[in-house]
Amino acid sequence: MGKWQLEVLRMGIYMAFPVILFHYFNLPENYEDKVIKFKREMFPPERPEPQQKISDLKRIFQERREAELKRVFEE
């Protein structure tokens, strides 16, 4: 198994490893360089054209629905 000094060393490594990783990945320069670039690659900013088309279609369907309801209520 080993002496108690070896166990203390292993326990120190087990405890220091997550702390060191937490410190490294939370540095602002690493965050800006890696995380923000990755986030922009995975979720690119939305283009206004598809959003405009969707809103136009919603408006058209809403107008048709209102016209149909108006026709039904007038009868």
N, C-alpha and C. Protein backbone atom coordinates (compact mmCIF):
# COMPACT_ATOMS: atom_id res chain seq x y z
N MET A 1 0.83 -1.19 0.00
CA MET A 1 0.00 0.00 0.00
C MET A 1 0.87 1.24 0.00
N GLY A 2 1.71 1.36 0.93
CA GLY A 2 2.59 2.52 1.00
C GLY A 2 2.55 3.15 2.36
N LYS A 3 3.45 4.04 2.58
CA LYS A 3 3.49 4.73 3.86
C LYS A 3 2.43 5.81 3.90
N TRP A 4 2.25 6.35 5.07
CA TRP A 4 1.22 7.37 5.23
C TRP A 4 1.58 8.63 4.44
N GLN A 5 2.87 8.89 4.19
CA GLN A 5 3.26 10.07 3.41
C GLN A 5 2.74 9.96 1.97
N LEU A 6 2.76 8.74 1.43
CA LEU A 6 2.25 8.52 0.08
C LEU A 6 0.74 8.79 0.03
N GLU A 7 0.04 8.34 1.06
CA GLU A 7 -1.39 8.59 1.11
C GLU A 7 -1.71 10.08 1.24
N VAL A 8 -0.93 10.79 2.00
CA VAL A 8 -1.12 12.23 2.14
C VAL A 8 -0.86 12.92 0.81
N LEU A 9 0.18 12.51 0.11
CA LEU A 9 0.49 13.06 -1.21
C LEU A 9 -0.66 12.79 -2.18
N ARG A 10 -1.15 11.57 -2.20
CA ARG A 10 -2.26 11.24 -3.10
C ARG A 10 -3.50 12.05 -2.77
N MET A 11 -3.80 12.19 -1.49
CA MET A 11 -4.97 12.97 -1.10
C MET A 11 -4.79 14.43 -1.47
N GLY A 12 -3.60 14.96 -1.34
CA GLY A 12 -3.32 16.34 -1.75
C GLY A 12 -3.53 16.53 -3.24
N ILE A 13 -3.09 15.57 -4.03
CA ILE A 13 -3.28 15.64 -5.48
C ILE A 13 -4.76 15.56 -5.83
N TYR A 14 -5.48 14.64 -5.16
CA TYR A 14 -6.91 14.50 -5.42
C TYR A 14 -7.67 15.78 -5.10
N MET A 15 -7.24 16.48 -4.08
CA MET A 15 -7.93 17.70 -3.68
C MET A 15 -7.47 18.91 -4.50
N ALA A 16 -6.21 18.93 -4.92
CA ALA A 16 -5.68 20.08 -5.64
C ALA A 16 -6.10 20.09 -7.11
N PHE A 17 -6.27 18.92 -7.69
CA PHE A 17 -6.59 18.84 -9.11
C PHE A 17 -7.86 19.61 -9.48
N PRO A 18 -9.00 19.39 -8.82
CA PRO A 18 -10.19 20.17 -9.19
C PRO A 18 -10.05 21.66 -8.91
N VAL A 19 -9.34 21.99 -7.84
CA VAL A 19 -9.16 23.41 -7.51
C VAL A 19 -8.33 24.10 -8.59
N ILE A 20 -7.28 23.45 -9.04
CA ILE A 20 -6.43 24.03 -10.09
C ILE A 20 -7.22 24.17 -11.39
N LEU A 21 -8.00 23.15 -11.76
CA LEU A 21 -8.81 23.25 -12.97
C LEU A 21 -9.84 24.36 -12.85
N PHE A 22 -10.47 24.47 -11.70
CA PHE A 22 -11.46 25.53 -11.49
C PHE A 22 -10.81 26.90 -11.66
N HIS A 23 -9.63 27.06 -11.08
CA HIS A 23 -8.92 28.34 -11.18
C HIS A 23 -8.54 28.64 -12.63
N TYR A 24 -8.01 27.65 -13.34
CA TYR A 24 -7.56 27.86 -14.71
C TYR A 24 -8.73 28.23 -15.63
N PHE A 25 -9.83 27.50 -15.56
CA PHE A 25 -10.93 27.73 -16.48
C PHE A 25 -11.77 28.94 -16.11
N ASN A 26 -11.57 29.51 -14.95
CA ASN A 26 -12.31 30.70 -14.58
C ASN A 26 -11.48 31.98 -14.71
N LEU A 27 -10.31 31.89 -15.27
CA LEU A 27 -9.54 33.10 -15.54
C LEU A 27 -10.21 33.87 -16.67
N PRO A 28 -10.32 35.18 -16.56
CA PRO A 28 -11.05 35.96 -17.58
C PRO A 28 -10.49 35.81 -18.98
N GLU A 29 -9.18 35.78 -19.13
CA GLU A 29 -8.62 35.69 -20.48
C GLU A 29 -8.94 34.34 -21.11
N ASN A 30 -8.94 33.28 -20.33
CA ASN A 30 -9.31 31.98 -20.88
C ASN A 30 -10.80 31.94 -21.21
N TYR A 31 -11.58 32.57 -20.37
CA TYR A 31 -13.02 32.58 -20.60
C TYR A 31 -13.35 33.30 -21.89
N GLU A 32 -12.76 34.47 -22.08
CA GLU A 32 -13.04 35.25 -23.28
C GLU A 32 -12.54 34.55 -24.54
N ASP A 33 -11.34 33.98 -24.46
CA ASP A 33 -10.77 33.36 -25.65
C ASP A 33 -11.49 32.09 -26.05
N LYS A 34 -11.70 31.21 -25.11
CA LYS A 34 -12.19 29.89 -25.46
C LYS A 34 -13.71 29.77 -25.39
N VAL A 35 -14.28 30.17 -24.28
CA VAL A 35 -15.70 29.91 -24.05
C VAL A 35 -16.57 30.77 -24.96
N ILE A 36 -16.26 32.04 -25.10
CA ILE A 36 -17.09 32.91 -25.92
C ILE A 36 -16.97 32.53 -27.39
N LYS A 37 -15.77 32.19 -27.85
CA LYS A 37 -15.62 31.73 -29.24
C LYS A 37 -16.41 30.45 -29.48
N PHE A 38 -16.31 29.51 -28.54
CA PHE A 38 -17.06 28.26 -28.68
C PHE A 38 -18.56 28.52 -28.67
N LYS A 39 -18.99 29.40 -27.81
CA LYS A 39 -20.42 29.72 -27.72
C LYS A 39 -20.92 30.36 -29.01
N ARG A 40 -20.12 31.22 -29.60
CA ARG A 40 -20.53 31.85 -30.87
C ARG A 40 -20.55 30.86 -32.01
N GLU A 41 -19.65 29.85 -31.97
CA GLU A 41 -19.68 28.82 -33.00
C GLU A 41 -20.91 27.92 -32.86
N MET A 42 -21.22 27.57 -31.64
CA MET A 42 -22.36 26.66 -31.40
C MET A 42 -23.69 27.38 -31.59
N PHE A 43 -23.80 28.61 -31.14
CA PHE A 43 -25.04 29.37 -31.22
C PHE A 43 -24.77 30.70 -31.91
N PRO A 44 -24.72 30.69 -33.25
CA PRO A 44 -24.44 31.94 -33.96
C PRO A 44 -25.57 32.94 -33.75
N PRO A 45 -25.25 34.23 -33.86
CA PRO A 45 -26.31 35.24 -33.71
C PRO A 45 -27.38 35.05 -34.78
N GLU A 46 -28.61 35.31 -34.38
CA GLU A 46 -29.71 35.12 -35.32
C GLU A 46 -29.69 36.23 -36.37
N ARG A 47 -29.99 35.81 -37.59
CA ARG A 47 -30.10 36.78 -38.67
C ARG A 47 -31.51 37.34 -38.66
N PRO A 48 -31.68 38.60 -39.03
CA PRO A 48 -33.03 39.19 -38.98
C PRO A 48 -33.96 38.69 -40.09
N GLU A 49 -33.42 38.17 -41.19
CA GLU A 49 -34.28 37.76 -42.31
C GLU A 49 -35.24 36.64 -41.92
N PRO A 50 -34.77 35.54 -41.33
CA PRO A 50 -35.73 34.49 -40.96
C PRO A 50 -36.75 34.96 -39.92
N GLN A 51 -36.32 35.78 -39.00
CA GLN A 51 -37.25 36.30 -38.01
C GLN A 51 -38.32 37.17 -38.67
N GLN A 52 -37.92 37.94 -39.66
CA GLN A 52 -38.88 38.79 -40.39
C GLN A 52 -39.87 37.92 -41.16
N LYS A 53 -39.38 36.86 -41.79
CA LYS A 53 -40.28 35.97 -42.52
C LYS A 53 -41.28 35.30 -41.58
N ILE A 54 -40.82 34.89 -40.43
CA ILE A 54 -41.72 34.26 -39.46
C ILE A 54 -42.77 35.24 -38.98
N SER A 55 -42.36 36.45 -38.69
CA SER A 55 -43.35 37.44 -38.23
C SER A 55 -44.34 37.79 -39.34
N ASP A 56 -43.89 37.82 -40.60
CA ASP A 56 -44.80 38.06 -41.72
C ASP A 56 -45.82 36.94 -41.85
N LEU A 57 -45.35 35.69 -41.73
CA LEU A 57 -46.27 34.56 -41.80
C LEU A 57 -47.27 34.57 -40.65
N LYS A 58 -46.80 34.90 -39.47
CA LYS A 58 -47.71 34.99 -38.33
C LYS A 58 -48.78 36.06 -38.56
N ARG A 59 -48.35 37.18 -39.11
CA ARG A 59 -49.30 38.26 -39.39
C ARG A 59 -50.32 37.82 -40.44
N ILE A 60 -49.86 37.14 -41.49
CA ILE A 60 -50.77 36.67 -42.55
C ILE A 60 -51.79 35.69 -41.98
N PHE A 61 -51.33 34.73 -41.18
CA PHE A 61 -52.25 33.75 -40.60
C PHE A 61 -53.22 34.42 -39.63
N GLN A 62 -52.74 35.39 -38.89
CA GLN A 62 -53.62 36.11 -37.97
C GLN A 62 -54.69 36.88 -38.74
N GLU A 63 -54.31 37.52 -39.84
CA GLU A 63 -55.28 38.24 -40.65
C GLU A 63 -56.32 37.29 -41.24
N ARG A 64 -55.87 36.13 -41.74
CA ARG A 64 -56.81 35.15 -42.28
C ARG A 64 -57.78 34.66 -41.20
N ARG A 65 -57.24 34.39 -40.04
CA ARG A 65 -58.08 33.91 -38.93
C ARG A 65 -59.10 34.97 -38.52
N GLU A 66 -58.65 36.21 -38.43
CA GLU A 66 -59.58 37.28 -38.08
C GLU A 66 -60.66 37.46 -39.14
N ALA A 67 -60.27 37.35 -40.41
CA ALA A 67 -61.26 37.47 -41.48
C ALA A 67 -62.25 36.32 -41.43
N GLU A 68 -61.78 35.12 -41.16
CA GLU A 68 -62.68 33.98 -41.08
C GLU A 68 -63.62 34.11 -39.88
N LEU A 69 -63.10 34.53 -38.75
CA LEU A 69 -63.95 34.73 -37.57
C LEU A 69 -64.97 35.84 -37.81
N LYS A 70 -64.54 36.89 -38.48
CA LYS A 70 -65.46 37.99 -38.78
C LYS A 70 -66.58 37.52 -39.70
N ARG A 71 -66.23 36.68 -40.69
CA ARG A 71 -67.22 36.16 -41.61
C ARG A 71 -68.20 35.24 -40.88
N VAL A 72 -67.68 34.42 -39.96
CA VAL A 72 -68.54 33.50 -39.21
C VAL A 72 -69.50 34.28 -38.31
N PHE A 73 -69.03 35.33 -37.65
CA PHE A 73 -69.86 36.09 -36.75
C PHE A 73 -70.87 36.96 -37.48
N GLU A 74 -70.58 37.34 -38.71
CA GLU A 74 -71.51 38.15 -39.48
C GLU A 74 -72.68 37.34 -39.99
N GLU A 75 -72.51 36.02 -40.14
CA GLU A 75 -73.59 35.17 -40.67
C GLU A 75 -74.65 34.91 -39.67
